[in-house]
N, C-alpha and C. Protein backbone atom coordinates (compact mmCIF):
# COMPACT_ATOMS: atom_id res chain seq x y z
N UNK A 1 -10.50 -25.52 -43.28
CA UNK A 1 -10.99 -26.07 -42.04
C UNK A 1 -12.10 -25.18 -41.52
N UNK A 2 -13.22 -25.79 -41.13
CA UNK A 2 -14.38 -25.05 -40.65
C UNK A 2 -14.48 -25.23 -39.15
N UNK A 3 -14.80 -24.16 -38.42
CA UNK A 3 -14.95 -24.23 -36.97
C UNK A 3 -16.41 -24.00 -36.60
N UNK A 4 -16.93 -24.84 -35.76
CA UNK A 4 -18.31 -24.70 -35.28
C UNK A 4 -18.26 -24.58 -33.77
N UNK A 5 -18.84 -23.51 -33.22
CA UNK A 5 -18.86 -23.30 -31.78
C UNK A 5 -20.27 -23.50 -31.26
N UNK A 6 -20.42 -24.32 -30.25
CA UNK A 6 -21.71 -24.54 -29.62
C UNK A 6 -21.52 -24.35 -28.13
N UNK A 7 -21.80 -23.17 -27.65
CA UNK A 7 -21.64 -22.88 -26.23
C UNK A 7 -23.02 -22.83 -25.60
N UNK A 8 -23.24 -23.72 -24.64
CA UNK A 8 -24.56 -23.84 -24.04
C UNK A 8 -24.61 -23.14 -22.68
N UNK A 9 -25.81 -22.90 -22.22
CA UNK A 9 -26.00 -22.40 -20.87
C UNK A 9 -25.62 -20.95 -20.68
N UNK A 10 -25.66 -20.13 -21.70
CA UNK A 10 -25.31 -18.72 -21.55
C UNK A 10 -26.56 -17.96 -21.13
N UNK A 11 -26.89 -18.05 -19.86
CA UNK A 11 -28.06 -17.37 -19.33
C UNK A 11 -27.62 -16.55 -18.14
N UNK A 12 -28.02 -15.28 -18.09
CA UNK A 12 -27.69 -14.44 -16.95
C UNK A 12 -26.21 -14.16 -16.86
N UNK A 13 -25.69 -14.24 -15.63
CA UNK A 13 -24.28 -13.92 -15.37
C UNK A 13 -23.38 -14.98 -15.95
N UNK A 14 -22.44 -14.60 -16.81
CA UNK A 14 -21.52 -15.55 -17.43
C UNK A 14 -20.13 -15.42 -16.82
N UNK A 15 -20.06 -15.09 -15.53
CA UNK A 15 -18.76 -14.98 -14.89
C UNK A 15 -18.18 -16.37 -14.61
N UNK A 16 -19.07 -17.38 -14.55
CA UNK A 16 -18.58 -18.74 -14.33
C UNK A 16 -18.09 -19.30 -15.66
N UNK A 17 -16.92 -19.93 -15.63
CA UNK A 17 -16.38 -20.51 -16.84
C UNK A 17 -16.58 -22.01 -16.81
N UNK A 18 -16.23 -22.69 -17.90
CA UNK A 18 -16.43 -24.13 -17.99
C UNK A 18 -15.36 -24.73 -18.87
N UNK A 19 -15.22 -26.06 -18.78
CA UNK A 19 -14.32 -26.76 -19.68
C UNK A 19 -14.84 -26.62 -21.11
N UNK A 20 -13.92 -26.53 -22.06
CA UNK A 20 -14.29 -26.47 -23.47
C UNK A 20 -13.82 -27.78 -24.12
N UNK A 21 -14.70 -28.39 -24.90
CA UNK A 21 -14.40 -29.66 -25.56
C UNK A 21 -14.35 -29.45 -27.07
N UNK A 22 -13.60 -30.34 -27.75
CA UNK A 22 -13.38 -30.19 -29.19
C UNK A 22 -13.39 -31.55 -29.86
N UNK A 23 -13.88 -31.59 -31.09
CA UNK A 23 -13.63 -32.75 -31.93
C UNK A 23 -13.71 -32.33 -33.40
N UNK A 24 -12.98 -33.05 -34.24
CA UNK A 24 -12.97 -32.78 -35.68
C UNK A 24 -13.68 -33.93 -36.37
N UNK A 25 -14.71 -33.60 -37.16
CA UNK A 25 -15.48 -34.65 -37.81
C UNK A 25 -14.80 -35.12 -39.09
N UNK A 26 -15.42 -36.08 -39.76
CA UNK A 26 -14.84 -36.70 -40.95
C UNK A 26 -14.65 -35.72 -42.11
N UNK A 27 -15.38 -34.61 -42.09
CA UNK A 27 -15.27 -33.61 -43.16
C UNK A 27 -14.32 -32.48 -42.81
N UNK A 28 -13.61 -32.63 -41.69
CA UNK A 28 -12.65 -31.61 -41.28
C UNK A 28 -13.25 -30.44 -40.54
N UNK A 29 -14.52 -30.54 -40.17
CA UNK A 29 -15.16 -29.47 -39.41
C UNK A 29 -14.80 -29.66 -37.93
N UNK A 30 -14.28 -28.61 -37.30
CA UNK A 30 -13.89 -28.67 -35.90
C UNK A 30 -15.03 -28.11 -35.06
N UNK A 31 -15.50 -28.90 -34.09
CA UNK A 31 -16.61 -28.51 -33.24
C UNK A 31 -16.09 -28.22 -31.83
N UNK A 32 -16.60 -27.15 -31.21
CA UNK A 32 -16.26 -26.80 -29.84
C UNK A 32 -17.56 -26.68 -29.04
N UNK A 33 -17.53 -27.09 -27.77
CA UNK A 33 -18.69 -26.94 -26.91
C UNK A 33 -18.26 -26.98 -25.45
N UNK A 34 -19.12 -26.45 -24.59
CA UNK A 34 -18.87 -26.60 -23.15
C UNK A 34 -19.81 -27.65 -22.56
N UNK A 35 -20.65 -28.23 -23.40
CA UNK A 35 -21.59 -29.27 -22.97
C UNK A 35 -21.60 -30.39 -24.00
N UNK A 36 -20.59 -31.27 -23.96
CA UNK A 36 -20.48 -32.31 -24.99
C UNK A 36 -21.67 -33.27 -24.96
N UNK A 37 -22.16 -33.57 -26.15
CA UNK A 37 -23.28 -34.51 -26.28
C UNK A 37 -22.85 -35.76 -27.03
N UNK A 38 -21.57 -35.84 -27.35
CA UNK A 38 -21.04 -36.93 -28.16
C UNK A 38 -19.72 -37.36 -27.56
N UNK A 39 -19.44 -38.66 -27.54
CA UNK A 39 -18.20 -39.17 -26.95
C UNK A 39 -16.95 -38.76 -27.72
N UNK A 40 -17.13 -38.30 -28.94
CA UNK A 40 -15.96 -37.89 -29.73
C UNK A 40 -15.35 -36.59 -29.22
N UNK A 41 -16.12 -35.83 -28.45
CA UNK A 41 -15.57 -34.60 -27.88
C UNK A 41 -14.50 -34.94 -26.86
N UNK A 42 -13.35 -34.26 -26.97
CA UNK A 42 -12.25 -34.42 -26.01
C UNK A 42 -11.97 -33.06 -25.40
N UNK A 43 -11.42 -33.09 -24.20
CA UNK A 43 -11.12 -31.82 -23.52
C UNK A 43 -10.14 -31.00 -24.36
N UNK A 44 -10.45 -29.74 -24.53
CA UNK A 44 -9.61 -28.83 -25.30
C UNK A 44 -9.03 -27.75 -24.39
N UNK A 45 -9.85 -27.19 -23.53
CA UNK A 45 -9.39 -26.15 -22.63
C UNK A 45 -10.10 -26.33 -21.29
N UNK A 46 -9.33 -26.43 -20.22
CA UNK A 46 -9.92 -26.65 -18.91
C UNK A 46 -10.27 -25.35 -18.23
N UNK A 47 -11.36 -25.39 -17.47
CA UNK A 47 -11.71 -24.29 -16.60
C UNK A 47 -10.64 -24.25 -15.50
N UNK A 48 -9.89 -23.18 -15.42
CA UNK A 48 -8.73 -23.11 -14.53
C UNK A 48 -9.13 -23.30 -13.07
N UNK A 49 -10.22 -22.65 -12.64
CA UNK A 49 -10.64 -22.79 -11.24
C UNK A 49 -11.04 -24.22 -10.93
N UNK A 50 -11.79 -24.81 -11.82
CA UNK A 50 -12.24 -26.19 -11.62
C UNK A 50 -11.05 -27.14 -11.63
N UNK A 51 -10.12 -26.94 -12.57
CA UNK A 51 -8.95 -27.80 -12.69
C UNK A 51 -8.07 -27.70 -11.45
N UNK A 52 -7.89 -26.48 -10.94
CA UNK A 52 -7.06 -26.28 -9.76
C UNK A 52 -7.67 -27.01 -8.57
N UNK A 53 -8.99 -26.92 -8.44
CA UNK A 53 -9.68 -27.60 -7.35
C UNK A 53 -9.54 -29.11 -7.49
N UNK A 54 -9.67 -29.60 -8.72
CA UNK A 54 -9.54 -31.03 -8.99
C UNK A 54 -8.14 -31.52 -8.64
N UNK A 55 -7.13 -30.70 -8.92
CA UNK A 55 -5.75 -31.10 -8.68
C UNK A 55 -5.38 -31.10 -7.21
N UNK A 56 -6.08 -30.35 -6.39
CA UNK A 56 -5.69 -30.22 -4.99
C UNK A 56 -6.58 -30.99 -4.03
N UNK A 57 -7.73 -31.48 -4.49
CA UNK A 57 -8.61 -32.22 -3.60
C UNK A 57 -9.12 -33.48 -4.28
N UNK A 58 -9.48 -34.43 -3.47
CA UNK A 58 -10.09 -35.66 -3.97
C UNK A 58 -11.50 -35.73 -3.43
N UNK A 59 -12.45 -35.93 -4.30
CA UNK A 59 -13.84 -36.06 -3.88
C UNK A 59 -14.28 -37.49 -4.19
N UNK A 60 -14.47 -38.27 -3.13
CA UNK A 60 -14.84 -39.67 -3.34
C UNK A 60 -16.17 -39.80 -4.05
N UNK A 61 -17.01 -38.78 -3.98
CA UNK A 61 -18.30 -38.84 -4.66
C UNK A 61 -18.13 -38.95 -6.17
N UNK A 62 -16.98 -38.50 -6.68
CA UNK A 62 -16.73 -38.56 -8.12
C UNK A 62 -16.36 -39.99 -8.55
N UNK A 63 -15.92 -40.79 -7.60
CA UNK A 63 -15.50 -42.15 -7.92
C UNK A 63 -16.72 -43.07 -8.00
N UNK A 64 -16.65 -44.03 -8.91
CA UNK A 64 -17.73 -44.98 -9.01
C UNK A 64 -17.69 -45.95 -7.85
N UNK A 65 -16.48 -46.29 -7.41
CA UNK A 65 -16.31 -47.19 -6.28
C UNK A 65 -15.32 -46.56 -5.32
N UNK A 66 -15.31 -47.01 -4.10
CA UNK A 66 -14.38 -46.50 -3.10
C UNK A 66 -12.95 -46.96 -3.46
N UNK A 67 -12.03 -46.02 -3.66
CA UNK A 67 -10.66 -46.39 -4.03
C UNK A 67 -10.00 -47.36 -3.04
N UNK A 68 -10.38 -47.28 -1.77
CA UNK A 68 -9.78 -48.15 -0.75
C UNK A 68 -10.08 -49.63 -1.04
N UNK A 69 -11.15 -49.88 -1.74
CA UNK A 69 -11.54 -51.25 -2.09
C UNK A 69 -10.45 -51.95 -2.91
N UNK A 70 -9.72 -51.17 -3.70
CA UNK A 70 -8.72 -51.74 -4.60
C UNK A 70 -7.29 -51.68 -4.04
N UNK A 71 -7.17 -51.13 -2.84
CA UNK A 71 -5.86 -50.95 -2.21
C UNK A 71 -5.04 -52.24 -2.12
N UNK A 72 -5.62 -53.36 -1.64
CA UNK A 72 -4.81 -54.60 -1.55
C UNK A 72 -4.26 -55.05 -2.90
N UNK A 73 -5.09 -54.97 -3.96
CA UNK A 73 -4.64 -55.39 -5.30
C UNK A 73 -3.53 -54.46 -5.78
N UNK A 74 -3.74 -53.15 -5.60
CA UNK A 74 -2.74 -52.16 -6.03
C UNK A 74 -1.42 -52.39 -5.31
N UNK A 75 -1.49 -52.56 -3.99
CA UNK A 75 -0.26 -52.76 -3.20
C UNK A 75 0.48 -54.02 -3.64
N UNK A 76 -0.27 -55.10 -3.86
CA UNK A 76 0.34 -56.37 -4.27
C UNK A 76 1.03 -56.25 -5.63
N UNK A 77 0.33 -55.66 -6.60
CA UNK A 77 0.88 -55.55 -7.95
C UNK A 77 2.04 -54.55 -8.00
N UNK A 78 1.91 -53.46 -7.26
CA UNK A 78 2.98 -52.45 -7.22
C UNK A 78 4.26 -53.07 -6.66
N UNK A 79 4.10 -53.86 -5.61
CA UNK A 79 5.25 -54.52 -4.99
C UNK A 79 5.84 -55.57 -5.95
N UNK A 80 4.98 -56.35 -6.56
CA UNK A 80 5.43 -57.42 -7.46
C UNK A 80 6.22 -56.88 -8.64
N UNK A 81 5.75 -55.77 -9.23
CA UNK A 81 6.40 -55.24 -10.43
C UNK A 81 7.33 -54.05 -10.15
N UNK A 82 7.45 -53.68 -8.88
CA UNK A 82 8.36 -52.59 -8.53
C UNK A 82 7.94 -51.23 -9.08
N UNK A 83 6.64 -50.95 -9.03
CA UNK A 83 6.11 -49.66 -9.48
C UNK A 83 5.53 -48.94 -8.27
N UNK A 84 5.81 -47.67 -8.12
CA UNK A 84 5.31 -46.89 -7.00
C UNK A 84 3.78 -46.96 -6.98
N UNK A 85 3.22 -47.36 -5.84
CA UNK A 85 1.76 -47.51 -5.76
C UNK A 85 1.04 -46.17 -5.96
N UNK A 86 1.68 -45.07 -5.63
CA UNK A 86 1.07 -43.75 -5.85
C UNK A 86 0.90 -43.49 -7.35
N UNK A 87 1.84 -43.96 -8.14
CA UNK A 87 1.75 -43.81 -9.60
C UNK A 87 0.61 -44.68 -10.14
N UNK A 88 0.49 -45.89 -9.63
CA UNK A 88 -0.59 -46.78 -10.06
C UNK A 88 -1.94 -46.14 -9.75
N UNK A 89 -2.10 -45.63 -8.53
CA UNK A 89 -3.36 -44.99 -8.13
C UNK A 89 -3.65 -43.77 -9.01
N UNK A 90 -2.61 -43.01 -9.33
CA UNK A 90 -2.79 -41.82 -10.16
C UNK A 90 -3.27 -42.17 -11.56
N UNK A 91 -2.72 -43.25 -12.12
CA UNK A 91 -3.13 -43.68 -13.46
C UNK A 91 -4.58 -44.17 -13.42
N UNK A 92 -4.93 -44.94 -12.41
CA UNK A 92 -6.31 -45.42 -12.28
C UNK A 92 -7.27 -44.23 -12.15
N UNK A 93 -6.88 -43.28 -11.31
CA UNK A 93 -7.72 -42.09 -11.09
C UNK A 93 -7.93 -41.34 -12.40
N UNK A 94 -6.86 -41.13 -13.15
CA UNK A 94 -6.95 -40.38 -14.41
C UNK A 94 -7.68 -41.17 -15.50
N UNK A 95 -7.47 -42.47 -15.52
CA UNK A 95 -8.04 -43.30 -16.59
C UNK A 95 -9.52 -43.59 -16.42
N UNK A 96 -9.93 -43.98 -15.22
CA UNK A 96 -11.30 -44.46 -15.05
C UNK A 96 -12.04 -43.85 -13.87
N UNK A 97 -11.35 -43.06 -13.04
CA UNK A 97 -12.02 -42.55 -11.84
C UNK A 97 -12.46 -43.68 -10.93
N UNK A 98 -11.70 -44.78 -10.94
CA UNK A 98 -11.98 -45.96 -10.13
C UNK A 98 -13.29 -46.65 -10.50
N UNK A 99 -13.63 -46.59 -11.77
CA UNK A 99 -14.80 -47.31 -12.28
C UNK A 99 -14.31 -48.57 -12.99
N UNK A 100 -14.45 -49.76 -12.38
CA UNK A 100 -13.93 -50.98 -13.00
C UNK A 100 -14.68 -51.39 -14.27
N UNK A 101 -15.85 -50.77 -14.50
CA UNK A 101 -16.63 -51.10 -15.70
C UNK A 101 -16.50 -50.05 -16.80
N UNK A 102 -15.57 -49.11 -16.64
CA UNK A 102 -15.40 -48.05 -17.63
C UNK A 102 -14.94 -48.62 -18.96
N UNK A 103 -15.57 -48.15 -20.04
CA UNK A 103 -15.17 -48.53 -21.40
C UNK A 103 -15.14 -47.26 -22.23
N UNK A 104 -13.99 -47.00 -22.88
CA UNK A 104 -13.84 -45.79 -23.68
C UNK A 104 -14.41 -46.00 -25.08
N UNK A 105 -14.67 -44.90 -25.81
CA UNK A 105 -15.14 -45.04 -27.19
C UNK A 105 -14.17 -45.82 -28.08
N UNK A 106 -12.88 -45.80 -27.72
CA UNK A 106 -11.88 -46.52 -28.52
C UNK A 106 -11.74 -47.98 -28.11
N UNK A 107 -12.46 -48.39 -27.06
CA UNK A 107 -12.43 -49.79 -26.66
C UNK A 107 -11.55 -50.10 -25.47
N UNK A 108 -10.89 -49.09 -24.89
CA UNK A 108 -10.11 -49.32 -23.67
C UNK A 108 -11.09 -49.63 -22.54
N UNK A 109 -10.71 -50.54 -21.65
CA UNK A 109 -11.66 -50.91 -20.61
C UNK A 109 -11.02 -51.17 -19.27
N UNK A 110 -11.88 -51.08 -18.24
CA UNK A 110 -11.46 -51.38 -16.88
C UNK A 110 -10.81 -50.23 -16.16
N UNK A 111 -10.36 -50.50 -14.97
CA UNK A 111 -9.76 -49.48 -14.11
C UNK A 111 -8.60 -48.75 -14.75
N UNK A 112 -7.73 -49.51 -15.44
CA UNK A 112 -6.54 -48.91 -16.03
C UNK A 112 -6.69 -48.72 -17.54
N UNK A 113 -7.93 -48.88 -18.03
CA UNK A 113 -8.27 -48.62 -19.43
C UNK A 113 -7.30 -49.28 -20.41
N UNK A 114 -7.25 -50.60 -20.35
CA UNK A 114 -6.39 -51.35 -21.25
C UNK A 114 -7.05 -51.51 -22.61
N UNK A 115 -6.30 -51.21 -23.67
CA UNK A 115 -6.79 -51.43 -25.03
C UNK A 115 -6.81 -52.94 -25.29
N UNK A 116 -7.72 -53.41 -26.15
CA UNK A 116 -7.83 -54.86 -26.39
C UNK A 116 -6.51 -55.54 -26.77
N UNK A 117 -5.74 -54.92 -27.69
CA UNK A 117 -4.48 -55.53 -28.11
C UNK A 117 -3.47 -55.58 -26.96
N UNK A 118 -3.40 -54.49 -26.20
CA UNK A 118 -2.49 -54.44 -25.05
C UNK A 118 -2.88 -55.51 -24.04
N UNK A 119 -4.19 -55.61 -23.77
CA UNK A 119 -4.67 -56.62 -22.82
C UNK A 119 -4.31 -58.03 -23.29
N UNK A 120 -4.47 -58.27 -24.59
CA UNK A 120 -4.14 -59.59 -25.15
C UNK A 120 -2.65 -59.88 -25.01
N UNK A 121 -1.80 -58.87 -25.34
CA UNK A 121 -0.36 -59.04 -25.21
C UNK A 121 0.06 -59.31 -23.77
N UNK A 122 -0.68 -58.71 -22.83
CA UNK A 122 -0.37 -58.87 -21.40
C UNK A 122 -1.04 -60.10 -20.80
N UNK A 123 -1.79 -60.84 -21.64
CA UNK A 123 -2.51 -62.03 -21.22
C UNK A 123 -3.53 -61.73 -20.12
N UNK A 124 -4.23 -60.59 -20.27
CA UNK A 124 -5.30 -60.23 -19.35
C UNK A 124 -6.58 -60.87 -19.88
N UNK A 125 -7.09 -61.85 -19.15
CA UNK A 125 -8.26 -62.59 -19.60
C UNK A 125 -9.53 -61.75 -19.56
N UNK A 126 -9.71 -60.99 -18.48
CA UNK A 126 -10.94 -60.21 -18.31
C UNK A 126 -10.57 -58.80 -17.88
N UNK A 127 -10.64 -57.86 -18.80
CA UNK A 127 -10.23 -56.47 -18.49
C UNK A 127 -11.17 -55.79 -17.51
N UNK A 128 -12.38 -56.31 -17.34
CA UNK A 128 -13.31 -55.71 -16.39
C UNK A 128 -13.18 -56.31 -14.99
N UNK A 129 -12.33 -57.30 -14.84
CA UNK A 129 -12.03 -57.84 -13.51
C UNK A 129 -10.94 -56.97 -12.89
N UNK A 130 -11.22 -56.30 -11.76
CA UNK A 130 -10.25 -55.37 -11.18
C UNK A 130 -8.85 -55.96 -10.98
N UNK A 131 -8.79 -57.19 -10.48
CA UNK A 131 -7.50 -57.81 -10.22
C UNK A 131 -6.71 -58.04 -11.51
N UNK A 132 -7.36 -58.61 -12.52
CA UNK A 132 -6.71 -58.84 -13.82
C UNK A 132 -6.29 -57.53 -14.46
N UNK A 133 -7.18 -56.54 -14.41
CA UNK A 133 -6.92 -55.26 -15.06
C UNK A 133 -5.75 -54.52 -14.41
N UNK A 134 -5.76 -54.45 -13.09
CA UNK A 134 -4.68 -53.74 -12.39
C UNK A 134 -3.35 -54.46 -12.60
N UNK A 135 -3.38 -55.77 -12.51
CA UNK A 135 -2.14 -56.55 -12.71
C UNK A 135 -1.57 -56.27 -14.12
N UNK A 136 -2.43 -56.31 -15.13
CA UNK A 136 -1.99 -56.05 -16.50
C UNK A 136 -1.51 -54.62 -16.67
N UNK A 137 -2.24 -53.67 -16.10
CA UNK A 137 -1.86 -52.26 -16.21
C UNK A 137 -0.54 -51.94 -15.53
N UNK A 138 -0.32 -52.53 -14.35
CA UNK A 138 0.94 -52.28 -13.63
C UNK A 138 2.10 -52.95 -14.35
N UNK A 139 1.85 -54.12 -14.88
CA UNK A 139 2.90 -54.80 -15.66
C UNK A 139 3.28 -53.97 -16.88
N UNK A 140 2.27 -53.37 -17.53
CA UNK A 140 2.52 -52.52 -18.69
C UNK A 140 3.28 -51.24 -18.28
N UNK A 141 2.90 -50.66 -17.14
CA UNK A 141 3.64 -49.50 -16.63
C UNK A 141 5.11 -49.84 -16.38
N UNK A 142 5.35 -51.03 -15.82
CA UNK A 142 6.73 -51.46 -15.56
C UNK A 142 7.51 -51.54 -16.87
N UNK A 143 6.88 -52.10 -17.90
CA UNK A 143 7.50 -52.20 -19.22
C UNK A 143 7.83 -50.81 -19.77
N UNK A 144 6.89 -49.88 -19.64
CA UNK A 144 7.12 -48.52 -20.16
C UNK A 144 8.21 -47.81 -19.36
N UNK A 145 8.22 -47.98 -18.05
CA UNK A 145 9.27 -47.37 -17.23
C UNK A 145 10.63 -47.93 -17.60
N UNK A 146 10.70 -49.23 -17.84
CA UNK A 146 11.97 -49.85 -18.25
C UNK A 146 12.38 -49.34 -19.64
N UNK A 147 11.41 -49.23 -20.54
CA UNK A 147 11.69 -48.77 -21.90
C UNK A 147 12.27 -47.37 -21.90
N UNK A 148 11.74 -46.50 -21.03
CA UNK A 148 12.19 -45.10 -20.99
C UNK A 148 13.13 -44.84 -19.82
N UNK A 149 13.79 -45.90 -19.37
CA UNK A 149 14.84 -45.81 -18.34
C UNK A 149 14.40 -45.02 -17.11
N UNK A 150 13.19 -45.32 -16.66
CA UNK A 150 12.68 -44.73 -15.43
C UNK A 150 12.07 -43.35 -15.58
N UNK A 151 12.04 -42.80 -16.79
CA UNK A 151 11.45 -41.47 -16.99
C UNK A 151 9.93 -41.59 -16.91
N UNK A 152 9.37 -41.17 -15.77
CA UNK A 152 7.94 -41.35 -15.54
C UNK A 152 7.09 -40.55 -16.52
N UNK A 153 7.50 -39.34 -16.83
CA UNK A 153 6.71 -38.50 -17.74
C UNK A 153 6.58 -39.17 -19.11
N UNK A 154 7.67 -39.74 -19.62
CA UNK A 154 7.62 -40.43 -20.92
C UNK A 154 6.79 -41.71 -20.84
N UNK A 155 6.93 -42.43 -19.73
CA UNK A 155 6.15 -43.66 -19.55
C UNK A 155 4.66 -43.34 -19.51
N UNK A 156 4.30 -42.28 -18.81
CA UNK A 156 2.88 -41.87 -18.71
C UNK A 156 2.38 -41.41 -20.08
N UNK A 157 3.21 -40.66 -20.79
CA UNK A 157 2.82 -40.21 -22.14
C UNK A 157 2.58 -41.40 -23.05
N UNK A 158 3.44 -42.41 -22.96
CA UNK A 158 3.28 -43.61 -23.78
C UNK A 158 2.04 -44.39 -23.37
N UNK A 159 1.71 -44.38 -22.09
CA UNK A 159 0.51 -45.06 -21.62
C UNK A 159 -0.72 -44.43 -22.27
N UNK A 160 -0.66 -43.12 -22.48
CA UNK A 160 -1.79 -42.39 -23.07
C UNK A 160 -1.79 -42.41 -24.59
N UNK A 161 -0.66 -42.06 -25.19
CA UNK A 161 -0.61 -41.86 -26.64
C UNK A 161 -0.04 -43.05 -27.40
N UNK A 162 0.61 -43.96 -26.70
CA UNK A 162 1.21 -45.11 -27.35
C UNK A 162 2.73 -44.97 -27.44
N UNK A 163 3.37 -46.09 -27.34
CA UNK A 163 4.84 -46.16 -27.37
C UNK A 163 5.41 -45.58 -28.65
N UNK A 164 4.77 -45.89 -29.78
CA UNK A 164 5.29 -45.43 -31.07
C UNK A 164 5.26 -43.91 -31.20
N UNK A 165 4.24 -43.26 -30.62
CA UNK A 165 4.14 -41.79 -30.70
C UNK A 165 5.25 -41.12 -29.90
N UNK A 166 5.55 -41.66 -28.74
CA UNK A 166 6.63 -41.09 -27.93
C UNK A 166 7.97 -41.28 -28.63
N UNK A 167 8.15 -42.46 -29.24
CA UNK A 167 9.38 -42.73 -30.00
C UNK A 167 9.46 -41.81 -31.22
N UNK A 168 8.33 -41.62 -31.90
CA UNK A 168 8.29 -40.77 -33.10
C UNK A 168 8.73 -39.34 -32.79
N UNK A 169 8.26 -38.81 -31.67
CA UNK A 169 8.58 -37.42 -31.31
C UNK A 169 9.79 -37.31 -30.38
N UNK A 170 10.36 -38.47 -30.02
CA UNK A 170 11.52 -38.50 -29.14
C UNK A 170 11.24 -37.70 -27.86
N UNK A 171 10.04 -37.88 -27.32
CA UNK A 171 9.62 -37.16 -26.13
C UNK A 171 8.11 -37.18 -26.04
N UNK A 172 7.57 -36.35 -25.15
CA UNK A 172 6.12 -36.28 -25.02
C UNK A 172 5.53 -35.71 -26.31
N UNK A 173 4.59 -36.43 -26.94
CA UNK A 173 4.01 -35.94 -28.21
C UNK A 173 3.34 -34.58 -28.03
N UNK A 174 3.29 -33.79 -29.09
CA UNK A 174 2.73 -32.43 -28.99
C UNK A 174 1.20 -32.41 -29.04
N UNK A 175 0.57 -33.38 -28.40
CA UNK A 175 -0.88 -33.43 -28.35
C UNK A 175 -1.33 -32.84 -27.02
N UNK A 176 -2.27 -31.92 -27.06
CA UNK A 176 -2.74 -31.29 -25.82
C UNK A 176 -3.32 -32.33 -24.87
N UNK A 177 -4.04 -33.29 -25.41
CA UNK A 177 -4.64 -34.33 -24.55
C UNK A 177 -3.56 -35.08 -23.78
N UNK A 178 -2.48 -35.45 -24.47
CA UNK A 178 -1.41 -36.20 -23.82
C UNK A 178 -0.67 -35.35 -22.81
N UNK A 179 -0.37 -34.11 -23.17
CA UNK A 179 0.33 -33.21 -22.23
C UNK A 179 -0.51 -32.96 -20.97
N UNK A 180 -1.81 -32.76 -21.16
CA UNK A 180 -2.71 -32.57 -20.02
C UNK A 180 -2.76 -33.84 -19.17
N UNK A 181 -2.79 -34.98 -19.84
CA UNK A 181 -2.85 -36.27 -19.14
C UNK A 181 -1.60 -36.47 -18.28
N UNK A 182 -0.44 -36.21 -18.84
CA UNK A 182 0.81 -36.38 -18.09
C UNK A 182 0.81 -35.47 -16.86
N UNK A 183 0.45 -34.21 -17.05
CA UNK A 183 0.39 -33.26 -15.93
C UNK A 183 -0.59 -33.74 -14.86
N UNK A 184 -1.73 -34.22 -15.31
CA UNK A 184 -2.76 -34.66 -14.37
C UNK A 184 -2.29 -35.86 -13.56
N UNK A 185 -1.71 -36.86 -14.23
CA UNK A 185 -1.25 -38.06 -13.53
C UNK A 185 -0.16 -37.71 -12.52
N UNK A 186 0.79 -36.87 -12.92
CA UNK A 186 1.86 -36.50 -11.99
C UNK A 186 1.33 -35.70 -10.80
N UNK A 187 0.31 -34.88 -11.03
CA UNK A 187 -0.30 -34.12 -9.94
C UNK A 187 -1.05 -35.05 -9.01
N UNK A 188 -1.82 -35.98 -9.57
CA UNK A 188 -2.52 -36.96 -8.75
C UNK A 188 -1.52 -37.78 -7.94
N UNK A 189 -0.42 -38.12 -8.57
CA UNK A 189 0.58 -38.93 -7.87
C UNK A 189 1.10 -38.22 -6.62
N UNK A 190 1.39 -36.93 -6.76
CA UNK A 190 1.84 -36.15 -5.59
C UNK A 190 0.80 -36.15 -4.50
N UNK A 191 -0.46 -36.03 -4.88
CA UNK A 191 -1.55 -36.04 -3.89
C UNK A 191 -1.62 -37.39 -3.19
N UNK A 192 -1.47 -38.48 -3.94
CA UNK A 192 -1.50 -39.80 -3.32
C UNK A 192 -0.27 -40.04 -2.44
N UNK A 193 0.88 -39.54 -2.85
CA UNK A 193 2.08 -39.67 -2.03
C UNK A 193 1.89 -38.97 -0.69
N UNK A 194 1.20 -37.83 -0.73
CA UNK A 194 0.99 -37.05 0.49
C UNK A 194 0.03 -37.75 1.45
N UNK A 195 -0.83 -38.63 0.92
CA UNK A 195 -1.80 -39.30 1.79
C UNK A 195 -1.36 -40.70 2.18
N UNK A 196 -0.27 -41.20 1.61
CA UNK A 196 0.21 -42.57 1.94
C UNK A 196 0.95 -42.57 3.26
């Protein structure tokens, strides 16, 4: 296995740290950078100061749309499917940053980043329509919560890594991305609970 490090912006004082991103190419070469130029780069190591700030504050400027705009849809779907609205908001925040037009490199789309097959199974006609997307995402969360007998951490892990991976490892998969995702969603959820 070959490792390639590309650290950008090393000028003057390097006391400021940054997130480090990683991806492994088709030839098994592992690339690291603090300035990703390719969508294949995934977060590998977070800047602790930046992450702590992100976990304790919400900056609406980071959102593509005002989260309050989606409040009625979230409340309606959360009530209909019996899912805590703070959890729904946390998943939306982690998945898309409230960008209803977000599309991932893997094809997940909309506020709750539904994969095409999942959207089809949930009968979501238009994943970029906020109402359809949230309804499908909350319905899927309800299914995962029921599958894991209310264990939110496992349901969130399955939302990120897939149901089969959680079943395969009989718990949260040992993927850093998934573990970070679960921590982030649960932290966001606490923040939303505090503001409700």
